PDB file of N, CA and C in Angstrom:
ATOM      1  N   UNK A   1       0.843  -1.205   0.000  1.00  0.00           N
ATOM      2  CA  UNK A   1       0.000   0.000   0.000  1.00  0.00           C
ATOM      3  C   UNK A   1       0.877   1.253   0.000  1.00  0.00           C
ATOM      4  N   UNK A   2       1.928   1.249   0.802  1.00  0.00           N
ATOM      5  CA  UNK A   2       2.784   2.436   0.888  1.00  0.00           C
ATOM      6  C   UNK A   2       3.417   2.746  -0.461  1.00  0.00           C
ATOM      7  N   UNK A   3       3.831   1.698  -1.174  1.00  0.00           N
ATOM      8  CA  UNK A   3       4.467   1.922  -2.478  1.00  0.00           C
ATOM      9  C   UNK A   3       3.506   2.617  -3.431  1.00  0.00           C
ATOM     10  N   UNK A   4       2.254   2.182  -3.431  1.00  0.00           N
ATOM     11  CA  UNK A   4       1.262   2.777  -4.332  1.00  0.00           C
ATOM     12  C   UNK A   4       1.076   4.255  -4.008  1.00  0.00           C
ATOM     13  N   UNK A   5       0.952   4.564  -2.727  1.00  0.00           N
ATOM     14  CA  UNK A   5       0.744   5.959  -2.320  1.00  0.00           C
ATOM     15  C   UNK A   5       1.939   6.807  -2.733  1.00  0.00           C
ATOM     16  N   UNK A   6       3.146   6.291  -2.505  1.00  0.00           N
ATOM     17  CA  UNK A   6       4.346   7.048  -2.859  1.00  0.00           C
ATOM     18  C   UNK A   6       4.410   7.295  -4.358  1.00  0.00           C
ATOM     19  N   UNK A   7       4.072   6.274  -5.146  1.00  0.00           N
ATOM     20  CA  UNK A   7       4.098   6.430  -6.598  1.00  0.00           C
ATOM     21  C   UNK A   7       3.105   7.486  -7.048  1.00  0.00           C
ATOM     22  N   UNK A   8       1.928   7.494  -6.450  1.00  0.00           N
ATOM     23  CA  UNK A   8       0.908   8.478  -6.820  1.00  0.00           C
ATOM     24  C   UNK A   8       1.386   9.877  -6.467  1.00  0.00           C
ATOM     25  N   UNK A   9       1.980  10.034  -5.293  1.00  0.00           N
ATOM     26  CA  UNK A   9       2.453  11.355  -4.865  1.00  0.00           C
ATOM     27  C   UNK A   9       3.525  11.865  -5.810  1.00  0.00           C
ATOM     28  N   UNK A  10       4.492  11.032  -6.158  1.00  0.00           N
ATOM     29  CA  UNK A  10       5.573  11.470  -7.030  1.00  0.00           C
ATOM     30  C   UNK A  10       5.033  11.772  -8.420  1.00  0.00           C
ATOM     31  N   UNK A  11       4.065  10.983  -8.875  1.00  0.00           N
ATOM     32  CA  UNK A  11       3.481  11.204 -10.201  1.00  0.00           C
ATOM     33  C   UNK A  11       2.812  12.569 -10.259  1.00  0.00           C
ATOM     34  N   UNK A  12       1.980  12.876  -9.255  1.00  0.00           N
ATOM     35  CA  UNK A  12       1.296  14.169  -9.225  1.00  0.00           C
ATOM     36  C   UNK A  12       2.317  15.282  -9.039  1.00  0.00           C
ATOM     37  N   UNK A  13       3.346  15.050  -8.234  1.00  0.00           N
ATOM     38  CA  UNK A  13       4.369  16.063  -7.991  1.00  0.00           C
ATOM     39  C   UNK A  13       5.061  16.452  -9.286  1.00  0.00           C
ATOM     40  N   UNK A  14       5.396  15.456 -10.132  1.00  0.00           N
ATOM     41  CA  UNK A  14       6.060  15.734 -11.405  1.00  0.00           C
ATOM     42  C   UNK A  14       5.131  16.535 -12.307  1.00  0.00           C
ATOM     43  N   UNK A  15       3.866  16.132 -12.372  1.00  0.00           N
ATOM     44  CA  UNK A  15       2.905  16.837 -13.232  1.00  0.00           C
ATOM     45  C   UNK A  15       2.743  18.289 -12.800  1.00  0.00           C
ATOM     46  N   UNK A  16       2.536  18.515 -11.509  1.00  0.00           N
ATOM     47  CA  UNK A  16       2.239  19.859 -11.018  1.00  0.00           C
ATOM     48  C   UNK A  16       3.476  20.752 -11.036  1.00  0.00           C
ATOM     49  N   UNK A  17       4.661  20.200 -10.765  1.00  0.00           N
ATOM     50  CA  UNK A  17       5.862  21.030 -10.667  1.00  0.00           C
ATOM     51  C   UNK A  17       6.520  21.254 -12.021  1.00  0.00           C
ATOM     52  N   UNK A  18       6.657  20.198 -12.823  1.00  0.00           N
ATOM     53  CA  UNK A  18       7.397  20.317 -14.078  1.00  0.00           C
ATOM     54  C   UNK A  18       6.500  20.686 -15.253  1.00  0.00           C
ATOM     55  N   UNK A  19       5.205  20.410 -15.148  1.00  0.00           N
ATOM     56  CA  UNK A  19       4.304  20.693 -16.270  1.00  0.00           C
ATOM     57  C   UNK A  19       3.057  21.437 -15.800  1.00  0.00           C
ATOM     58  N   UNK A  20       3.215  22.570 -15.100  1.00  0.00           N
ATOM     59  CA  UNK A  20       2.035  23.289 -14.602  1.00  0.00           C
ATOM     60  C   UNK A  20       1.193  23.843 -15.732  1.00  0.00           C
ATOM     61  N   UNK A  21       1.850  24.253 -16.828  1.00  0.00           N
ATOM     62  CA  UNK A  21       1.111  24.844 -17.950  1.00  0.00           C
ATOM     63  C   UNK A  21       0.224  23.785 -18.603  1.00  0.00           C
ATOM     64  N   UNK A  22       0.757  22.588 -18.806  1.00  0.00           N
ATOM     65  CA  UNK A  22      -0.031  21.528 -19.439  1.00  0.00           C
ATOM     66  C   UNK A  22      -1.209  21.149 -18.555  1.00  0.00           C
ATOM     67  N   UNK A  23      -0.988  21.086 -17.258  1.00  0.00           N
ATOM     68  CA  UNK A  23      -2.080  20.751 -16.337  1.00  0.00           C
ATOM     69  C   UNK A  23      -3.137  21.832 -16.389  1.00  0.00           C
ATOM     70  N   UNK A  24      -2.702  23.095 -16.382  1.00  0.00           N
ATOM     71  CA  UNK A  24      -3.650  24.214 -16.414  1.00  0.00           C
ATOM     72  C   UNK A  24      -4.465  24.176 -17.697  1.00  0.00           C
ATOM     73  N   UNK A  25      -3.806  23.933 -18.817  1.00  0.00           N
ATOM     74  CA  UNK A  25      -4.518  23.888 -20.105  1.00  0.00           C
ATOM     75  C   UNK A  25      -5.517  22.743 -20.134  1.00  0.00           C
ATOM     76  N   UNK A  26      -5.141  21.605 -19.600  1.00  0.00           N
ATOM     77  CA  UNK A  26      -6.054  20.452 -19.598  1.00  0.00           C
ATOM     78  C   UNK A  26      -7.285  20.756 -18.752  1.00  0.00           C
ATOM     79  N   UNK A  27      -7.092  21.441 -17.627  1.00  0.00           N
ATOM     80  CA  UNK A  27      -8.233  21.803 -16.779  1.00  0.00           C
ATOM     81  C   UNK A  27      -9.134  22.785 -17.511  1.00  0.00           C
ATOM     82  N   UNK A  28      -8.545  23.775 -18.157  1.00  0.00           N
ATOM     83  CA  UNK A  28      -9.332  24.768 -18.889  1.00  0.00           C
ATOM     84  C   UNK A  28     -10.126  24.100 -20.005  1.00  0.00           C
ATOM     85  N   UNK A  29      -9.507  23.175 -20.726  1.00  0.00           N
ATOM     86  CA  UNK A  29     -10.195  22.502 -21.834  1.00  0.00           C
ATOM     87  C   UNK A  29     -11.382  21.695 -21.309  1.00  0.00           C
ATOM     88  N   UNK A  30     -11.217  21.054 -20.155  1.00  0.00           N
ATOM     89  CA  UNK A  30     -12.315  20.279 -19.572  1.00  0.00           C
ATOM     90  C   UNK A  30     -13.461  21.199 -19.183  1.00  0.00           C
ATOM     91  N   UNK A  31     -13.152  22.378 -18.662  1.00  0.00           N
ATOM     92  CA  UNK A  31     -14.198  23.323 -18.267  1.00  0.00           C
ATOM     93  C   UNK A  31     -14.950  23.805 -19.494  1.00  0.00           C
ATOM     94  N   UNK A  32     -14.231  24.033 -20.587  1.00  0.00           N
ATOM     95  CA  UNK A  32     -14.884  24.489 -21.818  1.00  0.00           C
ATOM     96  C   UNK A  32     -15.843  23.418 -22.335  1.00  0.00           C
ATOM     97  N   UNK A  33     -15.466  22.160 -22.226  1.00  0.00           N
ATOM     98  CA  UNK A  33     -16.318  21.066 -22.710  1.00  0.00           C
ATOM     99  C   UNK A  33     -17.608  20.995 -21.898  1.00  0.00           C
ATOM    100  N   UNK A  34     -17.531  21.303 -20.609  1.00  0.00           N
ATOM    101  CA  UNK A  34     -18.707  21.184 -19.745  1.00  0.00           C
ATOM    102  C   UNK A  34     -19.712  22.293 -20.030  1.00  0.00           C
ATOM    103  N   UNK A  35     -19.269  23.425 -20.547  1.00  0.00           N
ATOM    104  CA  UNK A  35     -20.183  24.557 -20.790  1.00  0.00           C
ATOM    105  C   UNK A  35     -21.184  24.225 -21.882  1.00  0.00           C
TER     106      UNK A  35
END
């Protein structure tokens, strides 16, 4: 269980820290689709 949690944390950490623009764009695109 601990390994899974650690992997998830590092995965999200890489996305949010190294690719904030891509994450932001993906969120914006999802919001546009919902409108």
